[in-house]
Amino acid sequence: MEVARRKAELVKAEIRQDLEACDNYSAKHGSFVEMVRDHYRQIDDE
C-alpha cells in the first residue's frame, strides 16, 4: 500500500507541474483554443 500511495503522490505532483506549465504557456501565448479559432477564421476569410 505504501508504494501505491507514493506513486500516486508522484503522479499528482507531475500533473500539477504539467498544468502549471500549460497555464504559463497560455498566459504568455494565449489559449490553444483561441489560436485554432483565429487560424480557421483566417482561412475562412481568404
PDB file of N, CA and C in Angstrom:
ATOM      1  N   MET A   1       0.823  -1.201   0.000  1.00  0.00           N
ATOM      2  CA  MET A   1       0.000   0.000   0.000  1.00  0.00           C
ATOM      3  C   MET A   1       0.860   1.256   0.000  1.00  0.00           C
ATOM      4  N   GLU A   2       1.964   1.225   0.704  1.00  0.00           N
ATOM      5  CA  GLU A   2       2.838   2.405   0.786  1.00  0.00           C
ATOM      6  C   GLU A   2       3.408   2.760  -0.581  1.00  0.00           C
ATOM      7  N   VAL A   3       3.781   1.763  -1.357  1.00  0.00           N
ATOM      8  CA  VAL A   3       4.329   2.015  -2.690  1.00  0.00           C
ATOM      9  C   VAL A   3       3.274   2.670  -3.582  1.00  0.00           C
ATOM     10  N   ALA A   4       2.063   2.175  -3.518  1.00  0.00           N
ATOM     11  CA  ALA A   4       0.973   2.729  -4.322  1.00  0.00           C
ATOM     12  C   ALA A   4       0.684   4.171  -3.914  1.00  0.00           C
ATOM     13  N   ARG A   5       0.722   4.450  -2.630  1.00  0.00           N
ATOM     14  CA  ARG A   5       0.467   5.815  -2.146  1.00  0.00           C
ATOM     15  C   ARG A   5       1.547   6.766  -2.640  1.00  0.00           C
ATOM     16  N   ARG A   6       2.805   6.338  -2.566  1.00  0.00           N
ATOM     17  CA  ARG A   6       3.909   7.179  -3.030  1.00  0.00           C
ATOM     18  C   ARG A   6       3.830   7.412  -4.532  1.00  0.00           C
ATOM     19  N   LYS A   7       3.493   6.375  -5.265  1.00  0.00           N
ATOM     20  CA  LYS A   7       3.351   6.501  -6.719  1.00  0.00           C
ATOM     21  C   LYS A   7       2.232   7.489  -7.048  1.00  0.00           C
ATOM     22  N   ALA A   8       1.127   7.402  -6.342  1.00  0.00           N
ATOM     23  CA  ALA A   8       0.009   8.323  -6.564  1.00  0.00           C
ATOM     24  C   ALA A   8       0.433   9.758  -6.267  1.00  0.00           C
ATOM     25  N   GLU A   9       1.198   9.965  -5.217  1.00  0.00           N
ATOM     26  CA  GLU A   9       1.684  11.304  -4.893  1.00  0.00           C
ATOM     27  C   GLU A   9       2.593  11.840  -6.001  1.00  0.00           C
ATOM     28  N   LEU A  10       3.458  10.987  -6.539  1.00  0.00           N
ATOM     29  CA  LEU A  10       4.338  11.406  -7.626  1.00  0.00           C
ATOM     30  C   LEU A  10       3.541  11.773  -8.878  1.00  0.00           C
ATOM     31  N   VAL A  11       2.560  10.978  -9.195  1.00  0.00           N
ATOM     32  CA  VAL A  11       1.735  11.253 -10.369  1.00  0.00           C
ATOM     33  C   VAL A  11       0.991  12.573 -10.187  1.00  0.00           C
ATOM     34  N   LYS A  12       0.426  12.804  -9.023  1.00  0.00           N
ATOM     35  CA  LYS A  12      -0.279  14.055  -8.751  1.00  0.00           C
ATOM     36  C   LYS A  12       0.657  15.248  -8.868  1.00  0.00           C
ATOM     37  N   ALA A  13       1.871  15.112  -8.375  1.00  0.00           N
ATOM     38  CA  ALA A  13       2.853  16.202  -8.466  1.00  0.00           C
ATOM     39  C   ALA A  13       3.203  16.477  -9.930  1.00  0.00           C
ATOM     40  N   GLU A  14       3.362  15.428 -10.717  1.00  0.00           N
ATOM     41  CA  GLU A  14       3.663  15.604 -12.133  1.00  0.00           C
ATOM     42  C   GLU A  14       2.515  16.288 -12.857  1.00  0.00           C
ATOM     43  N   ILE A  15       1.299  15.907 -12.535  1.00  0.00           N
ATOM     44  CA  ILE A  15       0.121  16.519 -13.154  1.00  0.00           C
ATOM     45  C   ILE A  15       0.044  17.995 -12.786  1.00  0.00           C
ATOM     46  N   ARG A  16       0.280  18.329 -11.518  1.00  0.00           N
ATOM     47  CA  ARG A  16       0.274  19.732 -11.098  1.00  0.00           C
ATOM     48  C   ARG A  16       1.324  20.529 -11.872  1.00  0.00           C
ATOM     49  N   GLN A  17       2.501  19.947 -12.032  1.00  0.00           N
ATOM     50  CA  GLN A  17       3.585  20.612 -12.754  1.00  0.00           C
ATOM     51  C   GLN A  17       3.200  20.837 -14.229  1.00  0.00           C
ATOM     52  N   ASP A  18       2.608  19.826 -14.838  1.00  0.00           N
ATOM     53  CA  ASP A  18       2.193  19.951 -16.235  1.00  0.00           C
ATOM     54  C   ASP A  18       1.095  20.998 -16.398  1.00  0.00           C
ATOM     55  N   LEU A  19       0.144  21.013 -15.490  1.00  0.00           N
ATOM     56  CA  LEU A  19      -0.927  22.008 -15.565  1.00  0.00           C
ATOM     57  C   LEU A  19      -0.381  23.421 -15.381  1.00  0.00           C
ATOM     58  N   GLU A  20       0.578  23.581 -14.492  1.00  0.00           N
ATOM     59  CA  GLU A  20       1.204  24.886 -14.293  1.00  0.00           C
ATOM     60  C   GLU A  20       1.925  25.326 -15.567  1.00  0.00           C
ATOM     61  N   ALA A  21       2.610  24.399 -16.229  1.00  0.00           N
ATOM     62  CA  ALA A  21       3.292  24.716 -17.490  1.00  0.00           C
ATOM     63  C   ALA A  21       2.276  25.131 -18.553  1.00  0.00           C
ATOM     64  N   CYS A  22       1.156  24.451 -18.621  1.00  0.00           N
ATOM     65  CA  CYS A  22       0.102  24.818 -19.581  1.00  0.00           C
ATOM     66  C   CYS A  22      -0.457  26.204 -19.275  1.00  0.00           C
ATOM     67  N   ASP A  23      -0.683  26.484 -18.009  1.00  0.00           N
ATOM     68  CA  ASP A  23      -1.178  27.801 -17.613  1.00  0.00           C
ATOM     69  C   ASP A  23      -0.177  28.895 -17.973  1.00  0.00           C
ATOM     70  N   ASN A  24       1.102  28.634 -17.742  1.00  0.00           N
ATOM     71  CA  ASN A  24       2.132  29.621 -18.076  1.00  0.00           C
ATOM     72  C   ASN A  24       2.191  29.858 -19.580  1.00  0.00           C
ATOM     73  N   TYR A  25       2.090  28.799 -20.359  1.00  0.00           N
ATOM     74  CA  TYR A  25       2.093  28.931 -21.815  1.00  0.00           C
ATOM     75  C   TYR A  25       0.900  29.768 -22.268  1.00  0.00           C
ATOM     76  N   SER A  26      -0.272  29.459 -21.729  1.00  0.00           N
ATOM     77  CA  SER A  26      -1.476  30.198 -22.107  1.00  0.00           C
ATOM     78  C   SER A  26      -1.375  31.667 -21.721  1.00  0.00           C
ATOM     79  N   ALA A  27      -0.797  31.943 -20.573  1.00  0.00           N
ATOM     80  CA  ALA A  27      -0.646  33.328 -20.145  1.00  0.00           C
ATOM     81  C   ALA A  27       0.286  34.088 -21.079  1.00  0.00           C
ATOM     82  N   LYS A  28       1.289  33.416 -21.585  1.00  0.00           N
ATOM     83  CA  LYS A  28       2.267  34.068 -22.460  1.00  0.00           C
ATOM     84  C   LYS A  28       1.798  34.135 -23.914  1.00  0.00           C
ATOM     85  N   HIS A  29       1.166  33.077 -24.426  1.00  0.00           N
ATOM     86  CA  HIS A  29       0.855  32.971 -25.840  1.00  0.00           C
ATOM     87  C   HIS A  29      -0.640  33.000 -26.157  1.00  0.00           C
ATOM     88  N   GLY A  30      -1.477  32.966 -25.171  1.00  0.00           N
ATOM     89  CA  GLY A  30      -2.912  32.856 -25.405  1.00  0.00           C
ATOM     90  C   GLY A  30      -3.321  31.391 -25.395  1.00  0.00           C
ATOM     91  N   SER A  31      -4.605  31.179 -25.336  1.00  0.00           N
ATOM     92  CA  SER A  31      -5.082  29.798 -25.239  1.00  0.00           C
ATOM     93  C   SER A  31      -4.987  29.098 -26.584  1.00  0.00           C
ATOM     94  N   PHE A  32      -4.771  27.804 -26.539  1.00  0.00           N
ATOM     95  CA  PHE A  32      -4.688  26.992 -27.748  1.00  0.00           C
ATOM     96  C   PHE A  32      -5.994  27.074 -28.525  1.00  0.00           C
ATOM     97  N   VAL A  33      -7.103  27.064 -27.829  1.00  0.00           N
ATOM     98  CA  VAL A  33      -8.413  27.119 -28.485  1.00  0.00           C
ATOM     99  C   VAL A  33      -8.540  28.416 -29.281  1.00  0.00           C
ATOM    100  N   GLU A  34      -8.123  29.527 -28.707  1.00  0.00           N
ATOM    101  CA  GLU A  34      -8.193  30.800 -29.423  1.00  0.00           C
ATOM    102  C   GLU A  34      -7.269  30.816 -30.631  1.00  0.00           C
ATOM    103  N   MET A  35      -6.085  30.204 -30.502  1.00  0.00           N
ATOM    104  CA  MET A  35      -5.178  30.134 -31.652  1.00  0.00           C
ATOM    105  C   MET A  35      -5.810  29.344 -32.794  1.00  0.00           C
ATOM    106  N   VAL A  36      -6.478  28.245 -32.473  1.00  0.00           N
ATOM    107  CA  VAL A  36      -7.132  27.431 -33.502  1.00  0.00           C
ATOM    108  C   VAL A  36      -8.279  28.219 -34.127  1.00  0.00           C
ATOM    109  N   ARG A  37      -9.081  28.896 -33.312  1.00  0.00           N
ATOM    110  CA  ARG A  37     -10.186  29.704 -33.853  1.00  0.00           C
ATOM    111  C   ARG A  37      -9.657  30.781 -34.799  1.00  0.00           C
ATOM    112  N   ASP A  38      -8.613  31.481 -34.383  1.00  0.00           N
ATOM    113  CA  ASP A  38      -8.022  32.519 -35.229  1.00  0.00           C
ATOM    114  C   ASP A  38      -7.510  31.940 -36.540  1.00  0.00           C
ATOM    115  N   HIS A  39      -6.885  30.797 -36.458  1.00  0.00           N
ATOM    116  CA  HIS A  39      -6.356  30.144 -37.656  1.00  0.00           C
ATOM    117  C   HIS A  39      -7.473  29.859 -38.657  1.00  0.00           C
ATOM    118  N   TYR A  40      -8.546  29.238 -38.183  1.00  0.00           N
ATOM    119  CA  TYR A  40      -9.628  28.887 -39.080  1.00  0.00           C
ATOM    120  C   TYR A  40     -10.419  30.111 -39.525  1.00  0.00           C
ATOM    121  N   ARG A  41     -10.453  31.121 -38.701  1.00  0.00           N
ATOM    122  CA  ARG A  41     -11.111  32.363 -39.098  1.00  0.00           C
ATOM    123  C   ARG A  41     -10.354  32.987 -40.272  1.00  0.00           C
ATOM    124  N   GLN A  42      -9.016  32.948 -40.226  1.00  0.00           N
ATOM    125  CA  GLN A  42      -8.207  33.482 -41.308  1.00  0.00           C
ATOM    126  C   GLN A  42      -8.421  32.691 -42.601  1.00  0.00           C
ATOM    127  N   ILE A  43      -8.511  31.381 -42.484  1.00  0.00           N
ATOM    128  CA  ILE A  43      -8.758  30.544 -43.659  1.00  0.00           C
ATOM    129  C   ILE A  43     -10.115  30.872 -44.266  1.00  0.00           C
ATOM    130  N   ASP A  44     -11.125  31.062 -43.430  1.00  0.00           N
ATOM    131  CA  ASP A  44     -12.460  31.372 -43.929  1.00  0.00           C
ATOM    132  C   ASP A  44     -12.497  32.731 -44.619  1.00  0.00           C
ATOM    133  N   ASP A  45     -11.651  33.653 -44.176  1.00  0.00           N
ATOM    134  CA  ASP A  45     -11.624  34.992 -44.754  1.00  0.00           C
ATOM    135  C   ASP A  45     -10.914  35.047 -46.101  1.00  0.00           C
ATOM    136  N   GLU A  46     -10.170  34.000 -46.451  1.00  0.00           N
ATOM    137  CA  GLU A  46      -9.423  34.003 -47.726  1.00  0.00           C
ATOM    138  C   GLU A  46     -10.281  33.690 -48.902  1.00  0.00           C
TER     139      GLU A  46
END
